[in-house]
Amino acid sequence: MIYDAVEKFLIVIGFVLTMAIGLTIVCRDYRHFHGLNRRDDANILQALFDRFYFILVTISTIGYGDIYPVTNRAKISVVVIISLVIVTILNMFSNIVDGYNKYVKNIVSNLANSVRSPQ
């Protein structure tokens, strides 16, 4: 059970990291986002971390506003990322609900079978 949770967590982190890498490739220049400056974007790892932070804050709906897109390229990239995240989250919730329904159906079925055939 705990391994499943860790696996799901790593999948989510990998997904967000992939989105951050994509955003870094598409919007590498610091001018695409307000709140970033040339010095911060000089190092690729710092640029990647800033985009990772931005995506986590955005998709968690915290939205501090310290970094936000200002160019059309950045805005379109963020819209695509948010759309992908929404679809992924809805798919995960659907899988969770389906799994829960199967679990409850199995419990009810076992309970009904034990009531029908007393030992």
PDB file of N, CA and C in Angstrom:
ATOM      1  N   MET A   1       0.826  -1.200   0.000  1.00  0.00           N
ATOM      2  CA  MET A   1       0.000   0.000   0.000  1.00  0.00           C
ATOM      3  C   MET A   1       0.865   1.257   0.000  1.00  0.00           C
ATOM      4  N   ILE A   2       1.883   1.293   0.879  1.00  0.00           N
ATOM      5  CA  ILE A   2       2.741   2.470   0.948  1.00  0.00           C
ATOM      6  C   ILE A   2       3.564   2.606  -0.321  1.00  0.00           C
ATOM      7  N   TYR A   3       3.924   1.461  -0.929  1.00  0.00           N
ATOM      8  CA  TYR A   3       4.693   1.498  -2.169  1.00  0.00           C
ATOM      9  C   TYR A   3       3.878   2.122  -3.300  1.00  0.00           C
ATOM     10  N   ASP A   4       2.575   1.844  -3.314  1.00  0.00           N
ATOM     11  CA  ASP A   4       1.703   2.447  -4.321  1.00  0.00           C
ATOM     12  C   ASP A   4       1.658   3.958  -4.163  1.00  0.00           C
ATOM     13  N   ALA A   5       1.567   4.419  -2.921  1.00  0.00           N
ATOM     14  CA  ALA A   5       1.530   5.862  -2.669  1.00  0.00           C
ATOM     15  C   ALA A   5       2.845   6.523  -3.074  1.00  0.00           C
ATOM     16  N   VAL A   6       3.956   5.876  -2.748  1.00  0.00           N
ATOM     17  CA  VAL A   6       5.265   6.419  -3.126  1.00  0.00           C
ATOM     18  C   VAL A   6       5.404   6.427  -4.642  1.00  0.00           C
ATOM     19  N   GLU A   7       4.938   5.361  -5.284  1.00  0.00           N
ATOM     20  CA  GLU A   7       5.005   5.291  -6.738  1.00  0.00           C
ATOM     21  C   GLU A   7       4.185   6.404  -7.375  1.00  0.00           C
ATOM     22  N   LYS A   8       2.975   6.633  -6.880  1.00  0.00           N
ATOM     23  CA  LYS A   8       2.126   7.706  -7.414  1.00  0.00           C
ATOM     24  C   LYS A   8       2.775   9.074  -7.188  1.00  0.00           C
ATOM     25  N   PHE A   9       3.367   9.263  -6.008  1.00  0.00           N
ATOM     26  CA  PHE A   9       4.042  10.523  -5.707  1.00  0.00           C
ATOM     27  C   PHE A   9       5.203  10.758  -6.671  1.00  0.00           C
ATOM     28  N   LEU A  10       5.994   9.732  -6.922  1.00  0.00           N
ATOM     29  CA  LEU A  10       7.123   9.867  -7.844  1.00  0.00           C
ATOM     30  C   LEU A  10       6.657  10.121  -9.268  1.00  0.00           C
ATOM     31  N   ILE A  11       5.547   9.531  -9.644  1.00  0.00           N
ATOM     32  CA  ILE A  11       4.985   9.791 -10.972  1.00  0.00           C
ATOM     33  C   ILE A  11       4.573  11.246 -11.095  1.00  0.00           C
ATOM     34  N   VAL A  12       3.924  11.782 -10.059  1.00  0.00           N
ATOM     35  CA  VAL A  12       3.501  13.186 -10.085  1.00  0.00           C
ATOM     36  C   VAL A  12       4.716  14.106 -10.137  1.00  0.00           C
ATOM     37  N   ILE A  13       5.725  13.842  -9.325  1.00  0.00           N
ATOM     38  CA  ILE A  13       6.934  14.671  -9.341  1.00  0.00           C
ATOM     39  C   ILE A  13       7.614  14.585 -10.705  1.00  0.00           C
ATOM     40  N   GLY A  14       7.676  13.397 -11.274  1.00  0.00           N
ATOM     41  CA  GLY A  14       8.250  13.235 -12.606  1.00  0.00           C
ATOM     42  C   GLY A  14       7.472  13.992 -13.662  1.00  0.00           C
ATOM     43  N   PHE A  15       6.154  13.970 -13.546  1.00  0.00           N
ATOM     44  CA  PHE A  15       5.301  14.705 -14.482  1.00  0.00           C
ATOM     45  C   PHE A  15       5.554  16.205 -14.378  1.00  0.00           C
ATOM     46  N   VAL A  16       5.593  16.714 -13.142  1.00  0.00           N
ATOM     47  CA  VAL A  16       5.828  18.147 -12.947  1.00  0.00           C
ATOM     48  C   VAL A  16       7.229  18.519 -13.412  1.00  0.00           C
ATOM     49  N   LEU A  17       8.209  17.681 -13.156  1.00  0.00           N
ATOM     50  CA  LEU A  17       9.568  17.945 -13.608  1.00  0.00           C
ATOM     51  C   LEU A  17       9.635  17.959 -15.129  1.00  0.00           C
ATOM     52  N   THR A  18       8.918  17.052 -15.769  1.00  0.00           N
ATOM     53  CA  THR A  18       8.860  17.046 -17.230  1.00  0.00           C
ATOM     54  C   THR A  18       8.242  18.336 -17.755  1.00  0.00           C
ATOM     55  N   MET A  19       7.180  18.794 -17.112  1.00  0.00           N
ATOM     56  CA  MET A  19       6.567  20.056 -17.506  1.00  0.00           C
ATOM     57  C   MET A  19       7.537  21.225 -17.297  1.00  0.00           C
ATOM     58  N   ALA A  20       8.299  21.184 -16.213  1.00  0.00           N
ATOM     59  CA  ALA A  20       9.274  22.247 -15.948  1.00  0.00           C
ATOM     60  C   ALA A  20      10.375  22.247 -17.001  1.00  0.00           C
ATOM     61  N   ILE A  21      10.819  21.069 -17.401  1.00  0.00           N
ATOM     62  CA  ILE A  21      11.838  20.987 -18.454  1.00  0.00           C
ATOM     63  C   ILE A  21      11.275  21.538 -19.761  1.00  0.00           C
ATOM     64  N   GLY A  22      10.058  21.155 -20.088  1.00  0.00           N
ATOM     65  CA  GLY A  22       9.425  21.684 -21.305  1.00  0.00           C
ATOM     66  C   GLY A  22       9.278  23.192 -21.260  1.00  0.00           C
ATOM     67  N   LEU A  23       8.856  23.710 -20.117  1.00  0.00           N
ATOM     68  CA  LEU A  23       8.707  25.159 -19.974  1.00  0.00           C
ATOM     69  C   LEU A  23      10.048  25.861 -20.052  1.00  0.00           C
ATOM     70  N   THR A  24      11.084  25.233 -19.518  1.00  0.00           N
ATOM     71  CA  THR A  24      12.425  25.815 -19.592  1.00  0.00           C
ATOM     72  C   THR A  24      12.918  25.847 -21.035  1.00  0.00           C
ATOM     73  N   ILE A  25      12.611  24.815 -21.801  1.00  0.00           N
ATOM     74  CA  ILE A  25      13.030  24.774 -23.205  1.00  0.00           C
ATOM     75  C   ILE A  25      12.271  25.818 -24.026  1.00  0.00           C
ATOM     76  N   VAL A  26      10.961  25.878 -23.834  1.00  0.00           N
ATOM     77  CA  VAL A  26      10.141  26.798 -24.623  1.00  0.00           C
ATOM     78  C   VAL A  26      10.371  28.248 -24.210  1.00  0.00           C
ATOM     79  N   CYS A  27      10.481  28.495 -22.927  1.00  0.00           N
ATOM     80  CA  CYS A  27      10.614  29.862 -22.402  1.00  0.00           C
ATOM     81  C   CYS A  27      11.914  29.997 -21.630  1.00  0.00           C
ATOM     82  N   ARG A  28      13.020  29.775 -22.298  1.00  0.00           N
ATOM     83  CA  ARG A  28      14.329  29.806 -21.628  1.00  0.00           C
ATOM     84  C   ARG A  28      14.708  31.208 -21.170  1.00  0.00           C
ATOM     85  N   ASP A  29      14.319  32.190 -21.928  1.00  0.00           N
ATOM     86  CA  ASP A  29      14.709  33.561 -21.624  1.00  0.00           C
ATOM     87  C   ASP A  29      13.942  34.085 -20.411  1.00  0.00           C
ATOM     88  N   TYR A  30      14.631  34.768 -19.526  1.00  0.00           N
ATOM     89  CA  TYR A  30      14.019  35.290 -18.300  1.00  0.00           C
ATOM     90  C   TYR A  30      12.923  36.299 -18.586  1.00  0.00           C
ATOM     91  N   ARG A  31      12.908  36.928 -19.747  1.00  0.00           N
ATOM     92  CA  ARG A  31      11.919  37.970 -20.064  1.00  0.00           C
ATOM     93  C   ARG A  31      10.510  37.424 -20.246  1.00  0.00           C
ATOM     94  N   HIS A  32      10.367  36.105 -20.347  1.00  0.00           N
ATOM     95  CA  HIS A  32       9.033  35.521 -20.514  1.00  0.00           C
ATOM     96  C   HIS A  32       8.234  35.539 -19.212  1.00  0.00           C
ATOM     97  N   PHE A  33       8.917  35.712 -18.083  1.00  0.00           N
ATOM     98  CA  PHE A  33       8.241  35.682 -16.783  1.00  0.00           C
ATOM     99  C   PHE A  33       8.624  36.906 -15.961  1.00  0.00           C
ATOM    100  N   HIS A  34       7.641  37.517 -15.368  1.00  0.00           N
ATOM    101  CA  HIS A  34       7.908  38.591 -14.419  1.00  0.00           C
ATOM    102  C   HIS A  34       8.305  37.942 -13.099  1.00  0.00           C
ATOM    103  N   GLY A  35       9.312  38.464 -12.461  1.00  0.00           N
ATOM    104  CA  GLY A  35       9.774  37.902 -11.203  1.00  0.00           C
ATOM    105  C   GLY A  35      11.094  37.163 -11.356  1.00  0.00           C
ATOM    106  N   LEU A  36      11.533  36.978 -12.584  1.00  0.00           N
ATOM    107  CA  LEU A  36      12.838  36.370 -12.842  1.00  0.00           C
ATOM    108  C   LEU A  36      13.759  37.449 -13.394  1.00  0.00           C
ATOM    109  N   ASN A  37      15.035  37.337 -13.101  1.00  0.00           N
ATOM    110  CA  ASN A  37      15.982  38.279 -13.686  1.00  0.00           C
ATOM    111  C   ASN A  37      17.112  37.539 -14.377  1.00  0.00           C
ATOM    112  N   ARG A  38      17.896  38.273 -15.113  1.00  0.00           N
ATOM    113  CA  ARG A  38      18.951  37.680 -15.930  1.00  0.00           C
ATOM    114  C   ARG A  38      19.918  36.849 -15.084  1.00  0.00           C
ATOM    115  N   ARG A  39      20.254  37.317 -13.905  1.00  0.00           N
ATOM    116  CA  ARG A  39      21.195  36.620 -13.035  1.00  0.00           C
ATOM    117  C   ARG A  39      20.673  35.240 -12.636  1.00  0.00           C
ATOM    118  N   ASP A  40      19.379  35.155 -12.334  1.00  0.00           N
ATOM    119  CA  ASP A  40      18.804  33.867 -11.929  1.00  0.00           C
ATOM    120  C   ASP A  40      18.773  32.862 -13.082  1.00  0.00           C
ATOM    121  N   ASP A  41      18.591  33.348 -14.291  1.00  0.00           N
ATOM    122  CA  ASP A  41      18.479  32.460 -15.439  1.00  0.00           C
ATOM    123  C   ASP A  41      19.822  32.113 -16.070  1.00  0.00           C
ATOM    124  N   ALA A  42      20.914  32.633 -15.529  1.00  0.00           N
ATOM    125  CA  ALA A  42      22.234  32.352 -16.100  1.00  0.00           C
ATOM    126  C   ALA A  42      22.597  30.880 -15.941  1.00  0.00           C
ATOM    127  N   ASN A  43      22.176  30.262 -14.865  1.00  0.00           N
ATOM    128  CA  ASN A  43      22.451  28.857 -14.601  1.00  0.00           C
ATOM    129  C   ASN A  43      21.228  28.040 -15.016  1.00  0.00           C
ATOM    130  N   ILE A  44      21.423  27.017 -15.826  1.00  0.00           N
ATOM    131  CA  ILE A  44      20.302  26.208 -16.314  1.00  0.00           C
ATOM    132  C   ILE A  44      19.585  25.495 -15.176  1.00  0.00           C
ATOM    133  N   LEU A  45      20.323  25.074 -14.152  1.00  0.00           N
ATOM    134  CA  LEU A  45      19.674  24.405 -13.016  1.00  0.00           C
ATOM    135  C   LEU A  45      18.794  25.376 -12.236  1.00  0.00           C
ATOM    136  N   GLN A  46      19.243  26.619 -12.086  1.00  0.00           N
ATOM    137  CA  GLN A  46      18.425  27.623 -11.406  1.00  0.00           C
ATOM    138  C   GLN A  46      17.186  27.946 -12.240  1.00  0.00           C
ATOM    139  N   ALA A  47      17.350  28.026 -13.552  1.00  0.00           N
ATOM    140  CA  ALA A  47      16.202  28.282 -14.429  1.00  0.00           C
ATOM    141  C   ALA A  47      15.197  27.137 -14.324  1.00  0.00           C
ATOM    142  N   LEU A  48      15.696  25.904 -14.327  1.00  0.00           N
ATOM    143  CA  LEU A  48      14.822  24.742 -14.204  1.00  0.00           C
ATOM    144  C   LEU A  48      14.112  24.740 -12.859  1.00  0.00           C
ATOM    145  N   PHE A  49      14.835  25.062 -11.792  1.00  0.00           N
ATOM    146  CA  PHE A  49      14.217  25.119 -10.461  1.00  0.00           C
ATOM    147  C   PHE A  49      13.140  26.199 -10.398  1.00  0.00           C
ATOM    148  N   ASP A  50      13.404  27.366 -10.990  1.00  0.00           N
ATOM    149  CA  ASP A  50      12.413  28.445 -10.985  1.00  0.00           C
ATOM    150  C   ASP A  50      11.142  28.034 -11.713  1.00  0.00           C
ATOM    151  N   ARG A  51      11.296  27.344 -12.858  1.00  0.00           N
ATOM    152  CA  ARG A  51      10.105  26.896 -13.587  1.00  0.00           C
ATOM    153  C   ARG A  51       9.389  25.782 -12.825  1.00  0.00           C
ATOM    154  N   PHE A  52      10.132  24.890 -12.187  1.00  0.00           N
ATOM    155  CA  PHE A  52       9.535  23.831 -11.370  1.00  0.00           C
ATOM    156  C   PHE A  52       8.723  24.450 -10.227  1.00  0.00           C
ATOM    157  N   TYR A  53       9.312  25.421  -9.551  1.00  0.00           N
ATOM    158  CA  TYR A  53       8.621  26.138  -8.473  1.00  0.00           C
ATOM    159  C   TYR A  53       7.359  26.808  -9.009  1.00  0.00           C
ATOM    160  N   PHE A  54       7.488  27.486 -10.144  1.00  0.00           N
ATOM    161  CA  PHE A  54       6.339  28.186 -10.731  1.00  0.00           C
ATOM    162  C   PHE A  54       5.203  27.216 -11.038  1.00  0.00           C
ATOM    163  N   ILE A  55       5.535  26.063 -11.644  1.00  0.00           N
ATOM    164  CA  ILE A  55       4.507  25.095 -11.999  1.00  0.00           C
ATOM    165  C   ILE A  55       3.850  24.514 -10.754  1.00  0.00           C
ATOM    166  N   LEU A  56       4.638  24.173  -9.740  1.00  0.00           N
ATOM    167  CA  LEU A  56       4.046  23.639  -8.503  1.00  0.00           C
ATOM    168  C   LEU A  56       3.114  24.640  -7.846  1.00  0.00           C
ATOM    169  N   VAL A  57       3.533  25.892  -7.794  1.00  0.00           N
ATOM    170  CA  VAL A  57       2.696  26.924  -7.186  1.00  0.00           C
ATOM    171  C   VAL A  57       1.438  27.141  -8.015  1.00  0.00           C
ATOM    172  N   THR A  58       1.571  27.067  -9.332  1.00  0.00           N
ATOM    173  CA  THR A  58       0.422  27.285 -10.213  1.00  0.00           C
ATOM    174  C   THR A  58      -0.578  26.143 -10.131  1.00  0.00           C
ATOM    175  N   ILE A  59      -0.106  24.900 -10.269  1.00  0.00           N
ATOM    176  CA  ILE A  59      -1.060  23.782 -10.304  1.00  0.00           C
ATOM    177  C   ILE A  59      -1.620  23.450  -8.934  1.00  0.00           C
ATOM    178  N   SER A  60      -0.951  23.893  -7.884  1.00  0.00           N
ATOM    179  CA  SER A  60      -1.516  23.680  -6.554  1.00  0.00           C
ATOM    180  C   SER A  60      -2.524  24.770  -6.206  1.00  0.00           C
ATOM    181  N   THR A  61      -2.725  25.694  -7.090  1.00  0.00           N
ATOM    182  CA  THR A  61      -3.634  26.843  -6.969  1.00  0.00           C
ATOM    183  C   THR A  61      -3.269  27.772  -5.817  1.00  0.00           C
ATOM    184  N   ILE A  62      -2.032  27.710  -5.353  1.00  0.00           N
ATOM    185  CA  ILE A  62      -1.583  28.675  -4.349  1.00  0.00           C
ATOM    186  C   ILE A  62      -1.392  30.024  -5.022  1.00  0.00           C
ATOM    187  N   GLY A  63      -0.637  30.046  -6.109  1.00  0.00           N
ATOM    188  CA  GLY A  63      -0.478  31.242  -6.930  1.00  0.00           C
ATOM    189  C   GLY A  63       0.018  32.452  -6.175  1.00  0.00           C
ATOM    190  N   TYR A  64       1.229  32.399  -5.659  1.00  0.00           N
ATOM    191  CA  TYR A  64       1.775  33.532  -4.906  1.00  0.00           C
ATOM    192  C   TYR A  64       1.840  34.807  -5.738  1.00  0.00           C
ATOM    193  N   GLY A  65       2.106  34.696  -7.023  1.00  0.00           N
ATOM    194  CA  GLY A  65       2.198  35.871  -7.881  1.00  0.00           C
ATOM    195  C   GLY A  65       3.594  36.445  -7.960  1.00  0.00           C
ATOM    196  N   ASP A  66       4.566  35.780  -7.352  1.00  0.00           N
ATOM    197  CA  ASP A  66       5.932  36.286  -7.423  1.00  0.00           C
ATOM    198  C   ASP A  66       6.542  36.050  -8.798  1.00  0.00           C
ATOM    199  N   ILE A  67       6.107  34.999  -9.486  1.00  0.00           N
ATOM    200  CA  ILE A  67       6.526  34.731 -10.861  1.00  0.00           C
ATOM    201  C   ILE A  67       5.249  34.520 -11.664  1.00  0.00           C
ATOM    202  N   TYR A  68       5.140  35.223 -12.783  1.00  0.00           N
ATOM    203  CA  TYR A  68       3.988  35.004 -13.650  1.00  0.00           C
ATOM    204  C   TYR A  68       4.375  35.292 -15.093  1.00  0.00           C
ATOM    205  N   PRO A  69       3.679  34.644 -16.041  1.00  0.00           N
ATOM    206  CA  PRO A  69       4.033  34.800 -17.457  1.00  0.00           C
ATOM    207  C   PRO A  69       3.628  36.173 -17.978  1.00  0.00           C
ATOM    208  N   VAL A  70       4.468  36.734 -18.853  1.00  0.00           N
ATOM    209  CA  VAL A  70       4.149  38.037 -19.435  1.00  0.00           C
ATOM    210  C   VAL A  70       4.107  37.997 -20.957  1.00  0.00           C
ATOM    211  N   THR A  71       4.777  37.046 -21.581  1.00  0.00           N
ATOM    212  CA  THR A  71       4.737  36.971 -23.046  1.00  0.00           C
ATOM    213  C   THR A  71       3.687  35.960 -23.479  1.00  0.00           C
ATOM    214  N   ASN A  72       3.254  36.090 -24.715  1.00  0.00           N
ATOM    215  CA  ASN A  72       2.255  35.150 -25.234  1.00  0.00           C
ATOM    216  C   ASN A  72       2.781  33.726 -25.260  1.00  0.00           C
ATOM    217  N   ARG A  73       4.055  33.552 -25.578  1.00  0.00           N
ATOM    218  CA  ARG A  73       4.650  32.211 -25.592  1.00  0.00           C
ATOM    219  C   ARG A  73       4.563  31.573 -24.209  1.00  0.00           C
ATOM    220  N   ALA A  74       4.887  32.336 -23.185  1.00  0.00           N
ATOM    221  CA  ALA A  74       4.824  31.807 -21.819  1.00  0.00           C
ATOM    222  C   ALA A  74       3.384  31.537 -21.405  1.00  0.00           C
ATOM    223  N   LYS A  75       2.483  32.428 -21.762  1.00  0.00           N
ATOM    224  CA  LYS A  75       1.076  32.237 -21.395  1.00  0.00           C
ATOM    225  C   LYS A  75       0.490  30.991 -22.057  1.00  0.00           C
ATOM    226  N   ILE A  76       0.792  30.791 -23.339  1.00  0.00           N
ATOM    227  CA  ILE A  76       0.299  29.603 -24.038  1.00  0.00           C
ATOM    228  C   ILE A  76       0.902  28.342 -23.418  1.00  0.00           C
ATOM    229  N   SER A  77       2.187  28.394 -23.092  1.00  0.00           N
ATOM    230  CA  SER A  77       2.841  27.247 -22.460  1.00  0.00           C
ATOM    231  C   SER A  77       2.183  26.903 -21.131  1.00  0.00           C
ATOM    232  N   VAL A  78       1.868  27.911 -20.344  1.00  0.00           N
ATOM    233  CA  VAL A  78       1.240  27.681 -19.039  1.00  0.00           C
ATOM    234  C   VAL A  78      -0.170  27.114 -19.219  1.00  0.00           C
ATOM    235  N   VAL A  79      -0.915  27.611 -20.198  1.00  0.00           N
ATOM    236  CA  VAL A  79      -2.255  27.087 -20.465  1.00  0.00           C
ATOM    237  C   VAL A  79      -2.176  25.614 -20.859  1.00  0.00           C
ATOM    238  N   VAL A  80      -1.219  25.252 -21.702  1.00  0.00           N
ATOM    239  CA  VAL A  80      -1.054  23.850 -22.106  1.00  0.00           C
ATOM    240  C   VAL A  80      -0.701  22.988 -20.894  1.00  0.00           C
ATOM    241  N   ILE A  81       0.228  23.468 -20.073  1.00  0.00           N
ATOM    242  CA  ILE A  81       0.631  22.703 -18.889  1.00  0.00           C
ATOM    243  C   ILE A  81      -0.540  22.519 -17.932  1.00  0.00           C
ATOM    244  N   ILE A  82      -1.275  23.575 -17.669  1.00  0.00           N
ATOM    245  CA  ILE A  82      -2.421  23.478 -16.760  1.00  0.00           C
ATOM    246  C   ILE A  82      -3.468  22.523 -17.334  1.00  0.00           C
ATOM    247  N   SER A  83      -3.700  22.564 -18.638  1.00  0.00           N
ATOM    248  CA  SER A  83      -4.659  21.642 -19.264  1.00  0.00           C
ATOM    249  C   SER A  83      -4.211  20.195 -19.094  1.00  0.00           C
ATOM    250  N   LEU A  84      -2.926  19.938 -19.318  1.00  0.00           N
ATOM    251  CA  LEU A  84      -2.409  18.582 -19.132  1.00  0.00           C
ATOM    252  C   LEU A  84      -2.533  18.131 -17.681  1.00  0.00           C
ATOM    253  N   VAL A  85      -2.274  19.029 -16.759  1.00  0.00           N
ATOM    254  CA  VAL A  85      -2.379  18.694 -15.336  1.00  0.00           C
ATOM    255  C   VAL A  85      -3.827  18.390 -14.968  1.00  0.00           C
ATOM    256  N   ILE A  86      -4.759  19.177 -15.463  1.00  0.00           N
ATOM    257  CA  ILE A  86      -6.170  18.947 -15.154  1.00  0.00           C
ATOM    258  C   ILE A  86      -6.611  17.584 -15.674  1.00  0.00           C
ATOM    259  N   VAL A  87      -6.239  17.260 -16.911  1.00  0.00           N
ATOM    260  CA  VAL A  87      -6.604  15.964 -17.484  1.00  0.00           C
ATOM    261  C   VAL A  87      -5.970  14.831 -16.680  1.00  0.00           C
ATOM    262  N   THR A  88      -4.711  14.992 -16.307  1.00  0.00           N
ATOM    263  CA  THR A  88      -4.012  13.957 -15.533  1.00  0.00           C
ATOM    264  C   THR A  88      -4.642  13.773 -14.164  1.00  0.00           C
ATOM    265  N   ILE A  89      -4.952  14.865 -13.486  1.00  0.00           N
ATOM    266  CA  ILE A  89      -5.558  14.777 -12.156  1.00  0.00           C
ATOM    267  C   ILE A  89      -6.944  14.149 -12.232  1.00  0.00           C
ATOM    268  N   LEU A  90      -7.734  14.541 -13.223  1.00  0.00           N
ATOM    269  CA  LEU A  90      -9.057  13.933 -13.371  1.00  0.00           C
ATOM    270  C   LEU A  90      -8.946  12.442 -13.659  1.00  0.00           C
ATOM    271  N   ASN A  91      -7.962  12.055 -14.458  1.00  0.00           N
ATOM    272  CA  ASN A  91      -7.747  10.632 -14.744  1.00  0.00           C
ATOM    273  C   ASN A  91      -7.354   9.880 -13.475  1.00  0.00           C
ATOM    274  N   MET A  92      -6.476  10.482 -12.661  1.00  0.00           N
ATOM    275  CA  MET A  92      -6.073   9.826 -11.416  1.00  0.00           C
ATOM    276  C   MET A  92      -7.251   9.693 -10.464  1.00  0.00           C
ATOM    277  N   PHE A  93      -8.065  10.734 -10.335  1.00  0.00           N
ATOM    278  CA  PHE A  93      -9.247  10.643  -9.475  1.00  0.00           C
ATOM    279  C   PHE A  93     -10.202   9.579  -9.985  1.00  0.00           C
ATOM    280  N   SER A  94     -10.369   9.491 -11.290  1.00  0.00           N
ATOM    281  CA  SER A  94     -11.233   8.461 -11.862  1.00  0.00           C
ATOM    282  C   SER A  94     -10.716   7.069 -11.521  1.00  0.00           C
ATOM    283  N   ASN A  95      -9.398   6.870 -11.631  1.00  0.00           N
ATOM    284  CA  ASN A  95      -8.809   5.572 -11.275  1.00  0.00           C
ATOM    285  C   ASN A  95      -8.985   5.272  -9.797  1.00  0.00           C
ATOM    286  N   ILE A  96      -8.841   6.277  -8.949  1.00  0.00           N
ATOM    287  CA  ILE A  96      -9.028   6.083  -7.508  1.00  0.00           C
ATOM    288  C   ILE A  96     -10.459   5.691  -7.203  1.00  0.00           C
ATOM    289  N   VAL A  97     -11.415   6.381  -7.803  1.00  0.00           N
ATOM    290  CA  VAL A  97     -12.828   6.083  -7.565  1.00  0.00           C
ATOM    291  C   VAL A  97     -13.173   4.695  -8.094  1.00  0.00           C
ATOM    292  N   ASP A  98     -12.657   4.345  -9.268  1.00  0.00           N
ATOM    293  CA  ASP A  98     -12.912   3.006  -9.808  1.00  0.00           C
ATOM    294  C   ASP A  98     -12.346   1.926  -8.888  1.00  0.00           C
ATOM    295  N   GLY A  99     -11.137   2.148  -8.398  1.00  0.00           N
ATOM    296  CA  GLY A  99     -10.536   1.187  -7.470  1.00  0.00           C
ATOM    297  C   GLY A  99     -11.333   1.062  -6.190  1.00  0.00           C
ATOM    298  N   TYR A 100     -11.806   2.185  -5.671  1.00  0.00           N
ATOM    299  CA  TYR A 100     -12.610   2.166  -4.451  1.00  0.00           C
ATOM    300  C   TYR A 100     -13.928   1.442  -4.693  1.00  0.00           C
ATOM    301  N   ASN A 101     -14.545   1.715  -5.838  1.00  0.00           N
ATOM    302  CA  ASN A 101     -15.812   1.033  -6.152  1.00  0.00           C
ATOM    303  C   ASN A 101     -15.626  -0.474  -6.252  1.00  0.00           C
ATOM    304  N   LYS A 102     -14.538  -0.921  -6.885  1.00  0.00           N
ATOM    305  CA  LYS A 102     -14.266  -2.357  -6.970  1.00  0.00           C
ATOM    306  C   LYS A 102     -14.020  -2.949  -5.593  1.00  0.00           C
ATOM    307  N   TYR A 103     -13.323  -2.211  -4.737  1.00  0.00           N
ATOM    308  CA  TYR A 103     -13.046  -2.663  -3.375  1.00  0.00           C
ATOM    309  C   TYR A 103     -14.351  -2.826  -2.588  1.00  0.00           C
ATOM    310  N   VAL A 104     -15.214  -1.826  -2.655  1.00  0.00           N
ATOM    311  CA  VAL A 104     -16.492  -1.889  -1.939  1.00  0.00           C
ATOM    312  C   VAL A 104     -17.367  -2.990  -2.518  1.00  0.00           C
ATOM    313  N   LYS A 105     -17.387  -3.120  -3.841  1.00  0.00           N
ATOM    314  CA  LYS A 105     -18.190  -4.174  -4.472  1.00  0.00           C
ATOM    315  C   LYS A 105     -17.699  -5.549  -4.041  1.00  0.00           C
ATOM    316  N   ASN A 106     -16.411  -5.728  -3.910  1.00  0.00           N
ATOM    317  CA  ASN A 106     -15.838  -6.994  -3.457  1.00  0.00           C
ATOM    318  C   ASN A 106     -16.236  -7.281  -2.010  1.00  0.00           C
ATOM    319  N   ILE A 107     -16.209  -6.270  -1.151  1.00  0.00           N
ATOM    320  CA  ILE A 107     -16.618  -6.440   0.248  1.00  0.00           C
ATOM    321  C   ILE A 107     -18.091  -6.836   0.321  1.00  0.00           C
ATOM    322  N   VAL A 108     -18.942  -6.135  -0.427  1.00  0.00           N
ATOM    323  CA  VAL A 108     -20.375  -6.429  -0.414  1.00  0.00           C
ATOM    324  C   VAL A 108     -20.625  -7.834  -0.962  1.00  0.00           C
ATOM    325  N   SER A 109     -19.926  -8.207  -2.020  1.00  0.00           N
ATOM    326  CA  SER A 109     -20.084  -9.541  -2.598  1.00  0.00           C
ATOM    327  C   SER A 109     -19.663 -10.614  -1.601  1.00  0.00           C
ATOM    328  N   ASN A 110     -18.537 -10.435  -0.932  1.00  0.00           N
ATOM    329  CA  ASN A 110     -18.083 -11.397   0.076  1.00  0.00           C
ATOM    330  C   ASN A 110     -19.054 -11.474   1.246  1.00  0.00           C
ATOM    331  N   LEU A 111     -19.595 -10.332   1.639  1.00  0.00           N
ATOM    332  CA  LEU A 111     -20.567 -10.303   2.728  1.00  0.00           C
ATOM    333  C   LEU A 111     -21.846 -11.032   2.327  1.00  0.00           C
ATOM    334  N   ALA A 112     -22.309 -10.799   1.108  1.00  0.00           N
ATOM    335  CA  ALA A 112     -23.524 -11.469   0.626  1.00  0.00           C
ATOM    336  C   ALA A 112     -23.305 -12.972   0.518  1.00  0.00           C
ATOM    337  N   ASN A 113     -22.128 -13.388   0.066  1.00  0.00           N
ATOM    338  CA  ASN A 113     -21.842 -14.827  -0.042  1.00  0.00           C
ATOM    339  C   ASN A 113     -21.764 -15.470   1.322  1.00  0.00           C
ATOM    340  N   SER A 114     -21.220 -14.770   2.313  1.00  0.00           N
ATOM    341  CA  SER A 114     -21.131 -15.345   3.651  1.00  0.00           C
ATOM    342  C   SER A 114     -22.491 -15.427   4.307  1.00  0.00           C
ATOM    343  N   VAL A 115     -23.399 -14.530   3.981  1.00  0.00           N
ATOM    344  CA  VAL A 115     -24.755 -14.564   4.543  1.00  0.00           C
ATOM    345  C   VAL A 115     -25.556 -15.718   3.914  1.00  0.00           C
ATOM    346  N   ARG A 116     -25.386 -15.946   2.611  1.00  0.00           N
ATOM    347  CA  ARG A 116     -26.113 -16.999   1.914  1.00  0.00           C
ATOM    348  C   ARG A 116     -25.662 -18.390   2.326  1.00  0.00           C
ATOM    349  N   SER A 117     -24.395 -18.551   2.566  1.00  0.00           N
ATOM    350  CA  SER A 117     -23.889 -19.874   2.904  1.00  0.00           C
ATOM    351  C   SER A 117     -23.257 -19.858   4.299  1.00  0.00           C
ATOM    352  N   PRO A 118     -24.103 -19.989   5.341  1.00  0.00           N
ATOM    353  CA  PRO A 118     -23.566 -19.988   6.692  1.00  0.00           C
ATOM    354  C   PRO A 118     -22.742 -21.260   6.944  1.00  0.00           C
ATOM    355  N   GLN A 119     -21.720 -21.105   7.759  1.00  0.00           N
ATOM    356  CA  GLN A 119     -20.816 -22.234   8.019  1.00  0.00           C
ATOM    357  C   GLN A 119     -21.173 -22.950   9.257  1.00  0.00           C
TER     358      GLN A 119
END
